[in-house]
Amino acid sequence: MRYTLFSTPILSPILRFLSKIILKLIRWRVTGELPEGQKKYVLIVAPHTSNWDFFLFVLAVSVLRFQPSVLIKSTLFVGPLGWFLRYCGAIPVNRTQATSLVNYIAGLYHQRDEFVLIITPEGTRSANPRWKLGFHHVATAAEVPILVVYVDSITRTVGIEGLIEPSSDSQADLRELKQFFDTKSGLKPENYAS
């Protein structure tokens, strides 16, 4: 078993305890529950508008007690930073190889008994009206559902909305998801494009 920040004995319970305290102090909360019995899915989260989203991500993941993975550009995996990113569940990727990347990630889903990949469909922290469909391609290729999670600074909530099955019409799915996320406000609302 490969330990991550969220599964290391002794450290993980301490992190979970501290995460609950920090969330109370900053008056944020995590609502909803992870899908029971579902061990593989693509988790999408939006709006992604600030570098502080990573901090909220660590707190929420710790409280929810699961071990997600996230894709990060391979150029960041240098020295101690590379070790730390892997320890946090990061997977290095070369973003210029989009098609082979989808197949590679789908392969990870097929190889592992449990696998959750977090993807931000906006693909950037800047305002971007053209969301990427990589999450949909991965879910379809891996034959797994998509878990919808939102950040809402107005209600100070990281919320789990629920699972959806990707349809054969990725654009229609994206439009429906965008309509939902348009009702939420990221940490920096000016960095979100409806």
N, C-alpha and C. Protein backbone atom coordinates (compact mmCIF):
# COMPACT_ATOMS: atom_id res chain seq x y z
N MET A 1 0.85 -1.20 0.00
CA MET A 1 0.00 0.00 0.00
C MET A 1 0.89 1.25 0.00
N ARG A 2 0.55 2.20 -0.86
CA ARG A 2 1.30 3.45 -0.94
C ARG A 2 0.60 4.49 -0.07
N TYR A 3 1.34 4.98 0.93
CA TYR A 3 0.76 5.98 1.83
C TYR A 3 0.78 7.36 1.19
N THR A 4 -0.27 8.14 1.48
CA THR A 4 -0.32 9.54 1.08
C THR A 4 -0.56 10.37 2.33
N LEU A 5 -0.59 11.65 2.15
CA LEU A 5 -0.86 12.58 3.24
C LEU A 5 -2.16 12.21 3.96
N PHE A 6 -3.10 11.62 3.21
CA PHE A 6 -4.43 11.34 3.75
C PHE A 6 -4.59 9.92 4.29
N SER A 7 -3.51 9.12 4.25
CA SER A 7 -3.62 7.73 4.72
C SER A 7 -2.47 7.31 5.63
N THR A 8 -1.57 8.19 5.95
CA THR A 8 -0.42 7.84 6.79
C THR A 8 -0.87 7.66 8.24
N PRO A 9 -0.57 6.49 8.84
CA PRO A 9 -0.96 6.27 10.24
C PRO A 9 -0.40 7.38 11.14
N ILE A 10 -1.10 7.73 12.14
CA ILE A 10 -0.80 8.77 13.13
C ILE A 10 -0.96 10.16 12.51
N LEU A 11 -0.30 10.44 11.40
CA LEU A 11 -0.37 11.77 10.80
C LEU A 11 -1.78 12.10 10.29
N SER A 12 -2.43 11.15 9.63
CA SER A 12 -3.75 11.42 9.04
C SER A 12 -4.81 11.77 10.09
N PRO A 13 -4.90 11.03 11.21
CA PRO A 13 -5.88 11.43 12.24
C PRO A 13 -5.59 12.82 12.82
N ILE A 14 -4.31 13.15 12.96
CA ILE A 14 -3.94 14.47 13.46
C ILE A 14 -4.37 15.54 12.45
N LEU A 15 -4.09 15.29 11.17
CA LEU A 15 -4.48 16.22 10.11
C LEU A 15 -5.99 16.39 10.07
N ARG A 16 -6.73 15.30 10.24
CA ARG A 16 -8.19 15.36 10.23
C ARG A 16 -8.70 16.23 11.39
N PHE A 17 -8.14 16.02 12.57
CA PHE A 17 -8.52 16.80 13.75
C PHE A 17 -8.23 18.29 13.53
N LEU A 18 -7.03 18.59 13.03
CA LEU A 18 -6.65 19.99 12.78
C LEU A 18 -7.52 20.61 11.68
N SER A 19 -7.86 19.81 10.67
CA SER A 19 -8.70 20.31 9.58
C SER A 19 -10.06 20.73 10.08
N LYS A 20 -10.64 19.93 10.98
CA LYS A 20 -11.95 20.27 11.54
C LYS A 20 -11.87 21.58 12.33
N ILE A 21 -10.80 21.74 13.09
CA ILE A 21 -10.63 22.97 13.88
C ILE A 21 -10.45 24.18 12.97
N ILE A 22 -9.60 24.03 11.95
CA ILE A 22 -9.34 25.15 11.04
C ILE A 22 -10.61 25.54 10.30
N LEU A 23 -11.38 24.56 9.83
CA LEU A 23 -12.64 24.88 9.14
C LEU A 23 -13.59 25.65 10.06
N LYS A 24 -13.64 25.27 11.34
CA LYS A 24 -14.49 26.00 12.29
C LYS A 24 -13.99 27.43 12.47
N LEU A 25 -12.67 27.57 12.58
CA LEU A 25 -12.09 28.89 12.80
C LEU A 25 -12.33 29.83 11.61
N ILE A 26 -12.25 29.30 10.41
CA ILE A 26 -12.44 30.16 9.23
C ILE A 26 -13.91 30.17 8.79
N ARG A 27 -14.75 29.49 9.57
CA ARG A 27 -16.21 29.46 9.36
C ARG A 27 -16.61 28.87 8.01
N TRP A 28 -15.92 27.81 7.61
CA TRP A 28 -16.29 27.04 6.42
C TRP A 28 -16.78 25.68 6.88
N ARG A 29 -17.55 25.02 6.01
CA ARG A 29 -18.04 23.69 6.34
C ARG A 29 -18.04 22.81 5.10
N VAL A 30 -18.04 21.52 5.36
CA VAL A 30 -18.13 20.52 4.29
C VAL A 30 -19.49 19.88 4.43
N THR A 31 -20.28 19.88 3.33
CA THR A 31 -21.62 19.30 3.39
C THR A 31 -21.73 18.17 2.37
N GLY A 32 -22.66 17.26 2.65
CA GLY A 32 -22.87 16.11 1.77
C GLY A 32 -21.95 14.97 2.17
N GLU A 33 -22.13 13.86 1.50
CA GLU A 33 -21.33 12.68 1.81
C GLU A 33 -20.82 12.05 0.54
N LEU A 34 -19.69 11.38 0.67
CA LEU A 34 -19.14 10.64 -0.46
C LEU A 34 -20.09 9.49 -0.79
N PRO A 35 -20.17 9.10 -2.05
CA PRO A 35 -21.08 8.01 -2.42
C PRO A 35 -20.67 6.70 -1.77
N GLU A 36 -21.59 6.14 -1.00
CA GLU A 36 -21.31 4.91 -0.27
C GLU A 36 -21.18 3.73 -1.24
N GLY A 37 -20.14 2.96 -1.07
CA GLY A 37 -19.93 1.77 -1.90
C GLY A 37 -19.33 2.05 -3.26
N GLN A 38 -19.16 3.32 -3.61
CA GLN A 38 -18.57 3.68 -4.91
C GLN A 38 -17.09 3.96 -4.70
N LYS A 39 -16.24 3.11 -5.24
CA LYS A 39 -14.81 3.23 -4.99
C LYS A 39 -14.03 3.86 -6.14
N LYS A 40 -14.71 4.07 -7.27
CA LYS A 40 -14.06 4.68 -8.43
C LYS A 40 -14.99 5.73 -9.04
N TYR A 41 -14.48 6.94 -9.20
CA TYR A 41 -15.22 7.99 -9.89
C TYR A 41 -14.28 9.16 -10.18
N VAL A 42 -14.72 10.01 -11.09
CA VAL A 42 -14.02 11.26 -11.36
C VAL A 42 -14.72 12.32 -10.53
N LEU A 43 -13.97 13.05 -9.74
CA LEU A 43 -14.53 14.11 -8.91
C LEU A 43 -14.21 15.45 -9.58
N ILE A 44 -15.26 16.19 -9.96
CA ILE A 44 -15.02 17.52 -10.51
C ILE A 44 -15.42 18.55 -9.47
N VAL A 45 -14.62 19.61 -9.41
CA VAL A 45 -14.90 20.68 -8.44
C VAL A 45 -14.76 22.02 -9.14
N ALA A 46 -15.71 22.91 -8.83
CA ALA A 46 -15.71 24.26 -9.39
C ALA A 46 -16.56 25.12 -8.45
N PRO A 47 -16.50 26.41 -8.52
CA PRO A 47 -15.55 27.21 -9.26
C PRO A 47 -14.14 27.11 -8.67
N HIS A 48 -13.16 27.10 -9.56
CA HIS A 48 -11.74 27.05 -9.18
C HIS A 48 -11.16 28.41 -9.52
N THR A 49 -11.11 29.30 -8.53
CA THR A 49 -10.79 30.71 -8.82
C THR A 49 -9.59 31.25 -8.06
N SER A 50 -8.93 30.42 -7.24
CA SER A 50 -7.86 30.94 -6.40
C SER A 50 -6.87 29.84 -6.03
N ASN A 51 -5.64 30.23 -5.74
CA ASN A 51 -4.66 29.27 -5.23
C ASN A 51 -5.07 28.74 -3.86
N TRP A 52 -5.89 29.50 -3.14
CA TRP A 52 -6.37 29.06 -1.82
C TRP A 52 -7.30 27.86 -1.92
N ASP A 53 -7.79 27.57 -3.12
CA ASP A 53 -8.63 26.38 -3.30
C ASP A 53 -7.89 25.12 -2.84
N PHE A 54 -6.56 25.09 -3.05
CA PHE A 54 -5.77 23.91 -2.65
C PHE A 54 -5.85 23.73 -1.14
N PHE A 55 -5.78 24.81 -0.39
CA PHE A 55 -5.87 24.75 1.07
C PHE A 55 -7.23 24.19 1.50
N LEU A 56 -8.31 24.69 0.89
CA LEU A 56 -9.65 24.16 1.19
C LEU A 56 -9.75 22.69 0.80
N PHE A 57 -9.13 22.33 -0.34
CA PHE A 57 -9.13 20.95 -0.82
C PHE A 57 -8.52 20.02 0.23
N VAL A 58 -7.36 20.40 0.78
CA VAL A 58 -6.68 19.56 1.78
C VAL A 58 -7.57 19.40 3.01
N LEU A 59 -8.18 20.48 3.47
CA LEU A 59 -9.05 20.41 4.65
C LEU A 59 -10.26 19.51 4.40
N ALA A 60 -10.93 19.72 3.26
CA ALA A 60 -12.14 18.94 2.96
C ALA A 60 -11.83 17.47 2.76
N VAL A 61 -10.76 17.16 2.02
CA VAL A 61 -10.40 15.77 1.79
C VAL A 61 -10.06 15.07 3.10
N SER A 62 -9.36 15.78 3.96
CA SER A 62 -9.00 15.21 5.26
C SER A 62 -10.24 14.89 6.09
N VAL A 63 -11.19 15.82 6.13
CA VAL A 63 -12.43 15.63 6.90
C VAL A 63 -13.24 14.48 6.31
N LEU A 64 -13.29 14.37 5.00
CA LEU A 64 -14.09 13.34 4.34
C LEU A 64 -13.45 11.95 4.37
N ARG A 65 -12.18 11.87 4.72
CA ARG A 65 -11.46 10.59 4.86
C ARG A 65 -11.41 9.80 3.56
N PHE A 66 -10.90 10.39 2.52
CA PHE A 66 -10.66 9.61 1.31
C PHE A 66 -9.34 10.03 0.70
N GLN A 67 -8.86 9.24 -0.26
CA GLN A 67 -7.54 9.44 -0.83
C GLN A 67 -7.63 9.72 -2.32
N PRO A 68 -7.80 10.97 -2.69
CA PRO A 68 -7.91 11.28 -4.11
C PRO A 68 -6.56 11.45 -4.76
N SER A 69 -6.57 11.47 -6.07
CA SER A 69 -5.40 11.82 -6.85
C SER A 69 -5.74 13.07 -7.64
N VAL A 70 -4.73 13.78 -8.06
CA VAL A 70 -4.92 14.99 -8.86
C VAL A 70 -3.80 15.04 -9.89
N LEU A 71 -4.11 15.56 -11.07
CA LEU A 71 -3.12 15.69 -12.13
C LEU A 71 -2.40 17.03 -12.00
N ILE A 72 -1.08 16.99 -12.05
CA ILE A 72 -0.28 18.22 -11.98
C ILE A 72 0.79 18.14 -13.04
N LYS A 73 1.08 19.27 -13.69
CA LYS A 73 2.06 19.26 -14.78
C LYS A 73 3.40 18.72 -14.30
N SER A 74 3.99 17.87 -15.12
CA SER A 74 5.18 17.12 -14.76
C SER A 74 6.38 18.01 -14.45
N THR A 75 6.41 19.22 -14.99
CA THR A 75 7.56 20.10 -14.77
C THR A 75 7.71 20.52 -13.31
N LEU A 76 6.65 20.36 -12.51
CA LEU A 76 6.73 20.73 -11.09
C LEU A 76 7.33 19.62 -10.22
N PHE A 77 7.47 18.43 -10.79
CA PHE A 77 7.94 17.29 -9.99
C PHE A 77 9.47 17.25 -9.96
N VAL A 78 10.03 18.22 -9.26
CA VAL A 78 11.48 18.34 -9.15
C VAL A 78 11.87 18.31 -7.68
N GLY A 79 12.85 17.47 -7.35
CA GLY A 79 13.39 17.43 -5.99
C GLY A 79 12.34 17.19 -4.92
N PRO A 80 12.50 17.87 -3.77
CA PRO A 80 11.57 17.67 -2.65
C PRO A 80 10.13 18.02 -2.99
N LEU A 81 9.93 19.01 -3.86
CA LEU A 81 8.56 19.37 -4.25
C LEU A 81 7.89 18.19 -4.95
N GLY A 82 8.62 17.49 -5.81
CA GLY A 82 8.08 16.32 -6.50
C GLY A 82 7.67 15.24 -5.50
N TRP A 83 8.52 15.00 -4.51
CA TRP A 83 8.19 14.01 -3.47
C TRP A 83 6.92 14.44 -2.74
N PHE A 84 6.84 15.71 -2.34
CA PHE A 84 5.69 16.19 -1.59
C PHE A 84 4.40 16.09 -2.42
N LEU A 85 4.48 16.46 -3.69
CA LEU A 85 3.29 16.38 -4.54
C LEU A 85 2.80 14.94 -4.67
N ARG A 86 3.72 14.00 -4.85
CA ARG A 86 3.33 12.58 -4.92
C ARG A 86 2.71 12.13 -3.59
N TYR A 87 3.29 12.61 -2.48
CA TYR A 87 2.78 12.27 -1.15
C TYR A 87 1.35 12.80 -0.96
N CYS A 88 1.02 13.89 -1.65
CA CYS A 88 -0.34 14.45 -1.60
C CYS A 88 -1.28 13.76 -2.58
N GLY A 89 -0.78 12.77 -3.34
CA GLY A 89 -1.63 12.04 -4.29
C GLY A 89 -1.56 12.56 -5.71
N ALA A 90 -0.59 13.43 -6.00
CA ALA A 90 -0.48 14.01 -7.33
C ALA A 90 0.13 13.03 -8.33
N ILE A 91 -0.35 13.12 -9.56
CA ILE A 91 0.15 12.31 -10.67
C ILE A 91 0.75 13.28 -11.70
N PRO A 92 2.05 13.12 -12.02
CA PRO A 92 2.65 14.02 -13.01
C PRO A 92 2.14 13.73 -14.42
N VAL A 93 1.83 14.79 -15.16
CA VAL A 93 1.34 14.61 -16.53
C VAL A 93 2.02 15.58 -17.48
N ASN A 94 2.16 15.12 -18.72
CA ASN A 94 2.62 15.96 -19.80
C ASN A 94 1.37 16.42 -20.53
N ARG A 95 1.01 17.68 -20.39
CA ARG A 95 -0.28 18.18 -20.91
C ARG A 95 -0.35 18.24 -22.44
N THR A 96 0.75 18.02 -23.10
CA THR A 96 0.73 18.08 -24.57
C THR A 96 0.22 16.77 -25.18
N GLN A 97 0.05 15.73 -24.36
CA GLN A 97 -0.37 14.43 -24.87
C GLN A 97 -1.78 14.10 -24.38
N ALA A 98 -2.77 14.88 -24.82
CA ALA A 98 -4.14 14.77 -24.31
C ALA A 98 -4.77 13.41 -24.55
N THR A 99 -4.69 12.86 -25.77
CA THR A 99 -5.36 11.59 -26.07
C THR A 99 -4.74 10.45 -25.27
N SER A 100 -3.42 10.37 -25.28
CA SER A 100 -2.78 9.28 -24.55
C SER A 100 -2.98 9.45 -23.04
N LEU A 101 -3.15 10.69 -22.58
CA LEU A 101 -3.40 10.93 -21.17
C LEU A 101 -4.73 10.34 -20.74
N VAL A 102 -5.77 10.52 -21.53
CA VAL A 102 -7.08 9.94 -21.21
C VAL A 102 -6.96 8.43 -21.12
N ASN A 103 -6.28 7.81 -22.07
CA ASN A 103 -6.10 6.36 -22.05
C ASN A 103 -5.28 5.91 -20.85
N TYR A 104 -4.25 6.69 -20.52
CA TYR A 104 -3.40 6.36 -19.36
C TYR A 104 -4.22 6.39 -18.07
N ILE A 105 -5.01 7.47 -17.89
CA ILE A 105 -5.82 7.59 -16.67
C ILE A 105 -6.90 6.51 -16.63
N ALA A 106 -7.53 6.23 -17.76
CA ALA A 106 -8.53 5.15 -17.81
C ALA A 106 -7.89 3.84 -17.40
N GLY A 107 -6.65 3.62 -17.83
CA GLY A 107 -5.92 2.42 -17.43
C GLY A 107 -5.72 2.33 -15.93
N LEU A 108 -5.45 3.46 -15.29
CA LEU A 108 -5.30 3.47 -13.82
C LEU A 108 -6.60 3.04 -13.15
N TYR A 109 -7.72 3.52 -13.68
CA TYR A 109 -9.02 3.11 -13.12
C TYR A 109 -9.21 1.60 -13.26
N HIS A 110 -8.82 1.05 -14.39
CA HIS A 110 -9.02 -0.39 -14.61
C HIS A 110 -8.06 -1.24 -13.77
N GLN A 111 -6.88 -0.70 -13.46
CA GLN A 111 -5.87 -1.45 -12.70
C GLN A 111 -6.14 -1.45 -11.19
N ARG A 112 -6.75 -0.41 -10.69
CA ARG A 112 -6.87 -0.24 -9.24
C ARG A 112 -8.27 -0.60 -8.75
N ASP A 113 -8.31 -1.07 -7.51
CA ASP A 113 -9.60 -1.39 -6.88
C ASP A 113 -10.32 -0.13 -6.43
N GLU A 114 -9.54 0.90 -6.07
CA GLU A 114 -10.11 2.18 -5.64
C GLU A 114 -9.32 3.29 -6.33
N PHE A 115 -10.02 4.23 -6.91
CA PHE A 115 -9.32 5.35 -7.54
C PHE A 115 -10.29 6.51 -7.72
N VAL A 116 -9.91 7.67 -7.18
CA VAL A 116 -10.69 8.89 -7.33
C VAL A 116 -9.73 9.95 -7.86
N LEU A 117 -10.09 10.53 -8.98
CA LEU A 117 -9.28 11.58 -9.58
C LEU A 117 -10.05 12.89 -9.51
N ILE A 118 -9.41 13.93 -8.95
CA ILE A 118 -10.03 15.25 -8.88
C ILE A 118 -9.60 16.05 -10.10
N ILE A 119 -10.59 16.63 -10.79
CA ILE A 119 -10.32 17.46 -11.96
C ILE A 119 -11.12 18.76 -11.84
N THR A 120 -10.47 19.87 -12.15
CA THR A 120 -11.18 21.15 -12.21
C THR A 120 -11.47 21.43 -13.69
N PRO A 121 -12.72 21.37 -14.10
CA PRO A 121 -13.05 21.50 -15.53
C PRO A 121 -12.66 22.84 -16.14
N GLU A 122 -12.53 23.88 -15.31
CA GLU A 122 -12.14 25.18 -15.85
C GLU A 122 -10.72 25.15 -16.40
N GLY A 123 -9.86 24.30 -15.80
CA GLY A 123 -8.49 24.15 -16.27
C GLY A 123 -7.58 25.30 -15.90
N THR A 124 -8.08 26.30 -15.19
CA THR A 124 -7.29 27.46 -14.81
C THR A 124 -7.99 28.17 -13.67
N ARG A 125 -7.25 29.03 -12.96
CA ARG A 125 -7.87 29.84 -11.90
C ARG A 125 -8.36 31.18 -12.44
N SER A 126 -8.11 31.44 -13.72
CA SER A 126 -8.59 32.67 -14.35
C SER A 126 -9.97 32.43 -14.96
N ALA A 127 -10.67 33.52 -15.25
CA ALA A 127 -12.00 33.39 -15.86
C ALA A 127 -11.89 32.68 -17.21
N ASN A 128 -12.60 31.58 -17.36
CA ASN A 128 -12.51 30.79 -18.59
C ASN A 128 -13.89 30.25 -18.95
N PRO A 129 -14.55 30.84 -19.94
CA PRO A 129 -15.88 30.36 -20.32
C PRO A 129 -15.85 29.03 -21.07
N ARG A 130 -14.69 28.64 -21.58
CA ARG A 130 -14.56 27.39 -22.35
C ARG A 130 -13.94 26.29 -21.48
N TRP A 131 -14.80 25.56 -20.80
CA TRP A 131 -14.32 24.49 -19.93
C TRP A 131 -13.81 23.32 -20.75
N LYS A 132 -12.86 22.61 -20.16
CA LYS A 132 -12.28 21.45 -20.82
C LYS A 132 -13.14 20.22 -20.55
N LEU A 133 -13.19 19.32 -21.51
CA LEU A 133 -14.01 18.11 -21.38
C LEU A 133 -13.20 16.88 -20.97
N GLY A 134 -11.96 17.08 -20.54
CA GLY A 134 -11.12 15.95 -20.15
C GLY A 134 -11.76 15.07 -19.09
N PHE A 135 -12.42 15.69 -18.11
CA PHE A 135 -13.08 14.91 -17.05
C PHE A 135 -14.12 13.97 -17.63
N HIS A 136 -14.86 14.45 -18.64
CA HIS A 136 -15.91 13.65 -19.27
C HIS A 136 -15.29 12.51 -20.08
N HIS A 137 -14.23 12.82 -20.82
CA HIS A 137 -13.54 11.79 -21.61
C HIS A 137 -12.97 10.70 -20.72
N VAL A 138 -12.38 11.10 -19.58
CA VAL A 138 -11.80 10.12 -18.64
C VAL A 138 -12.91 9.25 -18.06
N ALA A 139 -14.00 9.88 -17.58
CA ALA A 139 -15.10 9.12 -16.98
C ALA A 139 -15.70 8.13 -17.99
N THR A 140 -15.85 8.57 -19.23
CA THR A 140 -16.41 7.70 -20.27
C THR A 140 -15.47 6.55 -20.58
N ALA A 141 -14.19 6.86 -20.76
CA ALA A 141 -13.21 5.81 -21.09
C ALA A 141 -13.04 4.81 -19.96
N ALA A 142 -13.10 5.31 -18.72
CA ALA A 142 -12.92 4.43 -17.55
C ALA A 142 -14.22 3.78 -17.11
N GLU A 143 -15.34 4.21 -17.70
CA GLU A 143 -16.67 3.71 -17.35
C GLU A 143 -16.98 3.90 -15.87
N VAL A 144 -16.76 5.14 -15.42
CA VAL A 144 -17.04 5.50 -14.02
C VAL A 144 -17.92 6.74 -13.99
N PRO A 145 -18.66 6.95 -12.90
CA PRO A 145 -19.49 8.15 -12.79
C PRO A 145 -18.66 9.38 -12.42
N ILE A 146 -19.32 10.52 -12.42
CA ILE A 146 -18.70 11.80 -12.08
C ILE A 146 -19.34 12.31 -10.79
N LEU A 147 -18.52 12.65 -9.81
CA LEU A 147 -19.03 13.23 -8.57
C LEU A 147 -18.88 14.75 -8.66
N VAL A 148 -19.98 15.45 -8.47
CA VAL A 148 -20.01 16.91 -8.58
C VAL A 148 -19.81 17.53 -7.20
N VAL A 149 -18.76 18.35 -7.07
CA VAL A 149 -18.44 19.03 -5.82
C VAL A 149 -18.27 20.52 -6.11
N TYR A 150 -18.77 21.35 -5.24
CA TYR A 150 -18.69 22.79 -5.47
C TYR A 150 -18.04 23.52 -4.30
N VAL A 151 -17.53 24.70 -4.61
CA VAL A 151 -17.02 25.65 -3.62
C VAL A 151 -17.94 26.86 -3.70
N ASP A 152 -18.46 27.29 -2.56
CA ASP A 152 -19.34 28.46 -2.56
C ASP A 152 -18.94 29.39 -1.41
N SER A 153 -18.33 30.52 -1.78
CA SER A 153 -17.84 31.45 -0.75
C SER A 153 -18.98 32.21 -0.07
N ILE A 154 -20.14 32.29 -0.71
CA ILE A 154 -21.27 33.00 -0.08
C ILE A 154 -21.77 32.22 1.13
N THR A 155 -21.93 30.90 0.97
CA THR A 155 -22.39 30.06 2.08
C THR A 155 -21.21 29.44 2.84
N ARG A 156 -19.97 29.73 2.36
CA ARG A 156 -18.74 29.20 2.97
C ARG A 156 -18.81 27.68 3.06
N THR A 157 -19.08 27.08 1.91
CA THR A 157 -19.31 25.64 1.85
C THR A 157 -18.49 24.97 0.75
N VAL A 158 -17.93 23.82 1.09
CA VAL A 158 -17.47 22.88 0.09
C VAL A 158 -18.52 21.78 0.12
N GLY A 159 -19.29 21.65 -0.95
CA GLY A 159 -20.44 20.75 -0.93
C GLY A 159 -20.37 19.63 -1.94
N ILE A 160 -20.82 18.46 -1.53
CA ILE A 160 -20.92 17.32 -2.44
C ILE A 160 -22.35 17.29 -2.96
N GLU A 161 -22.49 17.51 -4.26
CA GLU A 161 -23.83 17.56 -4.87
C GLU A 161 -24.34 16.17 -5.21
N GLY A 162 -23.47 15.29 -5.71
CA GLY A 162 -23.88 13.93 -6.02
C GLY A 162 -23.26 13.40 -7.29
N LEU A 163 -23.56 12.14 -7.59
CA LEU A 163 -23.02 11.44 -8.76
C LEU A 163 -23.89 11.66 -9.99
N ILE A 164 -23.25 11.76 -11.14
CA ILE A 164 -23.97 11.73 -12.41
C ILE A 164 -23.26 10.72 -13.32
N GLU A 165 -24.01 10.13 -14.20
CA GLU A 165 -23.43 9.24 -15.20
C GLU A 165 -23.18 10.05 -16.47
N PRO A 166 -21.97 9.99 -17.03
CA PRO A 166 -21.73 10.73 -18.26
C PRO A 166 -22.56 10.16 -19.41
N SER A 167 -23.18 11.05 -20.18
CA SER A 167 -23.98 10.59 -21.31
C SER A 167 -23.12 10.60 -22.57
N SER A 168 -23.71 10.21 -23.69
CA SER A 168 -22.98 10.23 -24.96
C SER A 168 -22.87 11.64 -25.52
N ASP A 169 -23.61 12.59 -24.93
CA ASP A 169 -23.57 13.98 -25.38
C ASP A 169 -22.79 14.82 -24.35
N SER A 170 -21.49 14.87 -24.52
CA SER A 170 -20.64 15.57 -23.55
C SER A 170 -20.96 17.06 -23.47
N GLN A 171 -21.33 17.69 -24.59
CA GLN A 171 -21.64 19.12 -24.58
C GLN A 171 -22.90 19.40 -23.77
N ALA A 172 -23.91 18.53 -23.89
CA ALA A 172 -25.14 18.70 -23.10
C ALA A 172 -24.84 18.52 -21.62
N ASP A 173 -24.02 17.52 -21.29
CA ASP A 173 -23.63 17.31 -19.90
C ASP A 173 -22.91 18.53 -19.36
N LEU A 174 -22.01 19.09 -20.17
CA LEU A 174 -21.25 20.26 -19.75
C LEU A 174 -22.16 21.47 -19.53
N ARG A 175 -23.12 21.67 -20.42
CA ARG A 175 -24.06 22.79 -20.26
C ARG A 175 -24.85 22.66 -18.95
N GLU A 176 -25.29 21.46 -18.66
CA GLU A 176 -26.06 21.22 -17.42
C GLU A 176 -25.19 21.48 -16.19
N LEU A 177 -23.96 21.01 -16.23
CA LEU A 177 -23.05 21.22 -15.11
C LEU A 177 -22.74 22.71 -14.94
N LYS A 178 -22.52 23.41 -16.05
CA LYS A 178 -22.23 24.84 -15.98
C LYS A 178 -23.40 25.60 -15.36
N GLN A 179 -24.62 25.22 -15.73
CA GLN A 179 -25.79 25.89 -15.14
C GLN A 179 -25.79 25.74 -13.62
N PHE A 180 -25.40 24.54 -13.15
CA PHE A 180 -25.34 24.32 -11.71
C PHE A 180 -24.23 25.17 -11.08
N PHE A 181 -23.02 25.08 -11.64
CA PHE A 181 -21.90 25.80 -11.05
C PHE A 181 -22.05 27.32 -11.16
N ASP A 182 -22.82 27.80 -12.12
CA ASP A 182 -23.05 29.24 -12.24
C ASP A 182 -23.79 29.81 -11.04
N THR A 183 -24.43 28.94 -10.24
CA THR A 183 -25.15 29.40 -9.05
C THR A 183 -24.23 29.48 -7.83
N LYS A 184 -22.97 29.11 -7.99
CA LYS A 184 -22.01 29.11 -6.88
C LYS A 184 -21.00 30.24 -7.06
N SER A 185 -20.37 30.63 -5.97
CA SER A 185 -19.41 31.72 -6.01
C SER A 185 -18.08 31.25 -5.46
N GLY A 186 -17.04 31.27 -6.30
CA GLY A 186 -15.72 30.84 -5.87
C GLY A 186 -15.09 31.85 -4.91
N LEU A 187 -13.88 31.54 -4.46
CA LEU A 187 -13.20 32.42 -3.52
C LEU A 187 -12.93 33.79 -4.12
N LYS A 188 -12.66 33.83 -5.42
CA LYS A 188 -12.49 35.10 -6.13
C LYS A 188 -13.50 35.12 -7.28
N PRO A 189 -14.73 35.56 -7.01
CA PRO A 189 -15.80 35.50 -8.01
C PRO A 189 -15.44 36.16 -9.35
N GLU A 190 -14.58 37.15 -9.33
CA GLU A 190 -14.18 37.83 -10.57
C GLU A 190 -13.38 36.91 -11.50
N ASN A 191 -12.88 35.80 -10.98
CA ASN A 191 -12.11 34.85 -11.78
C ASN A 191 -12.97 33.73 -12.36
N TYR A 192 -14.27 33.89 -12.27
CA TYR A 192 -15.19 32.87 -12.82
C TYR A 192 -15.95 33.44 -13.99
N ALA A 193 -16.02 32.67 -15.08
CA ALA A 193 -16.77 33.12 -16.26
C ALA A 193 -18.00 32.25 -16.44
N SER A 194 -19.18 32.86 -16.46
CA SER A 194 -20.43 32.12 -16.64
C SER A 194 -20.55 31.64 -18.07
